[in-house]
């Protein structure tokens, strides 16, 4: 299977955070699964580090390296992602640009999305969200 990690899922996995469900950890670690993170997540992390909304145990560069070491592939933003982003319905006033680009990426690429964020459940008819 192919999975796209939400930003918090990525960080919780890399930090071995107890908030990460066992199911999620197993899916990410399974060698027969392809696991991805959107470059949008790296941008979100960078923004939040810059404005002091996030603190990481390692540098951003080390965090990215750790992700790569754990077989998590970064997927870029394509024109198709941006076109689909614009078409995404807005549910429950969910306008977060990072979340919406992550959604657009998962949907466009046909990935299942791994997230605990309840806002992603609004999109359950167009993307499978797993936790």
Protein backbone atom coordinates (compact mmCIF):
# COMPACT_ATOMS: atom_id res chain seq x y z
CA UNK A 1 0.00 0.00 0.00
CA UNK A 2 0.97 3.63 -0.42
CA UNK A 3 0.56 6.03 2.47
CA UNK A 4 1.05 9.76 2.89
CA UNK A 5 1.86 10.93 6.40
CA UNK A 6 0.32 14.04 7.89
CA UNK A 7 2.90 16.33 9.47
CA UNK A 8 2.15 15.35 13.07
CA UNK A 9 2.21 11.66 12.11
CA UNK A 10 5.67 12.06 10.61
CA UNK A 11 7.03 13.88 13.66
CA UNK A 12 5.44 11.49 16.15
CA UNK A 13 6.90 8.53 14.26
CA UNK A 14 10.39 10.02 14.09
CA UNK A 15 10.27 10.98 17.78
CA UNK A 16 8.80 7.59 18.81
CA UNK A 17 6.00 9.54 20.49
CA UNK A 18 3.46 7.53 22.52
CA UNK A 19 0.65 9.47 20.77
CA UNK A 20 1.32 7.45 17.62
CA UNK A 21 -1.08 4.51 17.41
CA UNK A 22 0.38 1.02 17.22
CA UNK A 23 -1.47 0.42 13.96
CA UNK A 24 0.05 3.54 12.44
CA UNK A 25 3.55 2.67 13.59
CA UNK A 26 3.18 -0.83 12.13
CA UNK A 27 1.98 0.54 8.78
CA UNK A 28 4.91 2.94 8.55
CA UNK A 29 7.45 0.29 9.53
CA UNK A 30 6.10 -2.46 7.23
CA UNK A 31 8.69 -3.02 4.51
CA UNK A 32 6.04 -3.84 1.90
CA UNK A 33 4.38 -0.41 2.29
CA UNK A 34 5.50 2.71 0.45
CA UNK A 35 5.45 5.67 2.85
CA UNK A 36 5.57 9.27 1.71
CA UNK A 37 5.63 12.75 3.18
CA UNK A 38 4.72 15.84 1.22
CA UNK A 39 7.29 18.59 0.84
CA UNK A 40 4.39 20.65 2.22
CA UNK A 41 5.01 19.04 5.61
CA UNK A 42 8.68 20.06 5.52
CA UNK A 43 7.59 23.60 4.66
CA UNK A 44 5.03 23.59 7.49
CA UNK A 45 7.67 22.40 9.94
CA UNK A 46 10.11 25.05 8.73
CA UNK A 47 7.50 27.81 9.13
CA UNK A 48 6.53 26.65 12.62
CA UNK A 49 10.18 26.40 13.69
CA UNK A 50 10.81 29.93 12.40
CA UNK A 51 7.89 31.47 14.28
CA UNK A 52 8.54 29.47 17.46
CA UNK A 53 5.41 27.31 17.25
CA UNK A 54 7.42 24.10 17.12
CA UNK A 55 10.58 22.76 18.72
CA UNK A 56 12.31 19.67 17.37
CA UNK A 57 14.83 17.51 19.23
CA UNK A 58 17.06 17.66 16.13
CA UNK A 59 17.72 20.22 13.40
CA UNK A 60 15.40 20.27 10.41
CA UNK A 61 18.18 18.84 8.24
CA UNK A 62 18.72 15.98 10.70
CA UNK A 63 14.97 15.37 10.89
CA UNK A 64 14.76 15.11 7.10
CA UNK A 65 17.75 12.73 7.08
CA UNK A 66 16.10 10.62 9.78
CA UNK A 67 12.96 10.45 7.66
CA UNK A 68 14.94 9.28 4.63
CA UNK A 69 16.77 6.71 6.77
CA UNK A 70 13.34 5.34 7.78
CA UNK A 71 12.37 4.84 4.11
CA UNK A 72 9.96 7.78 4.04
CA UNK A 73 10.08 9.36 0.60
CA UNK A 74 9.43 13.06 0.13
CA UNK A 75 7.00 13.84 -2.68
CA UNK A 76 7.04 17.28 -4.25
CA UNK A 77 4.16 19.54 -5.19
CA UNK A 78 3.06 19.07 -8.78
CA UNK A 79 0.84 21.14 -11.02
CA UNK A 80 -1.86 18.47 -10.64
CA UNK A 81 -1.70 18.88 -6.86
CA UNK A 82 -2.21 22.63 -7.11
CA UNK A 83 -5.10 22.24 -9.56
CA UNK A 84 -6.82 19.73 -7.28
CA UNK A 85 -6.10 21.93 -4.24
CA UNK A 86 -8.20 24.67 -5.81
CA UNK A 87 -11.07 22.21 -6.39
CA UNK A 88 -11.11 20.79 -2.85
CA UNK A 89 -14.37 21.54 -1.06
CA UNK A 90 -14.13 23.48 2.18
CA UNK A 91 -15.80 21.62 5.05
CA UNK A 92 -16.33 23.03 8.52
CA UNK A 93 -14.33 26.14 7.66
CA UNK A 94 -11.23 23.96 7.14
CA UNK A 95 -8.97 26.40 5.29
CA UNK A 96 -5.52 25.41 6.61
CA UNK A 97 -3.32 25.61 3.49
CA UNK A 98 -0.86 22.97 4.71
CA UNK A 99 -3.62 20.44 5.46
CA UNK A 100 -5.36 21.14 2.17
CA UNK A 101 -2.18 20.64 0.11
CA UNK A 102 -1.46 17.40 1.97
CA UNK A 103 -5.02 16.30 1.14
CA UNK A 104 -4.64 17.32 -2.51
CA UNK A 105 -1.38 15.37 -2.73
CA UNK A 106 -2.87 12.22 -1.20
CA UNK A 107 -5.94 12.34 -3.43
CA UNK A 108 -4.06 13.15 -6.63
CA UNK A 109 -1.46 10.43 -6.04
CA UNK A 110 -3.95 7.82 -4.82
CA UNK A 111 -2.32 7.50 -1.40
CA UNK A 112 -4.11 6.69 1.82
CA UNK A 113 -3.62 9.45 4.37
CA UNK A 114 -2.37 8.65 7.86
CA UNK A 115 -3.59 11.27 10.32
CA UNK A 116 -5.38 11.63 13.64
CA UNK A 117 -6.61 15.12 12.66
CA UNK A 118 -10.43 15.02 12.90
CA UNK A 119 -10.76 17.66 10.17
CA UNK A 120 -9.55 15.16 7.59
CA UNK A 121 -12.63 13.03 8.29
CA UNK A 122 -14.67 15.64 6.39
CA UNK A 123 -12.97 14.35 3.24
CA UNK A 124 -13.60 10.64 3.86
CA UNK A 125 -15.63 10.31 0.65
CA UNK A 126 -12.62 11.29 -1.48
CA UNK A 127 -9.62 10.00 0.51
CA UNK A 128 -9.12 7.12 2.92
CA UNK A 129 -7.86 8.42 6.27
CA UNK A 130 -6.25 5.89 8.60
CA UNK A 131 -5.21 6.06 12.21
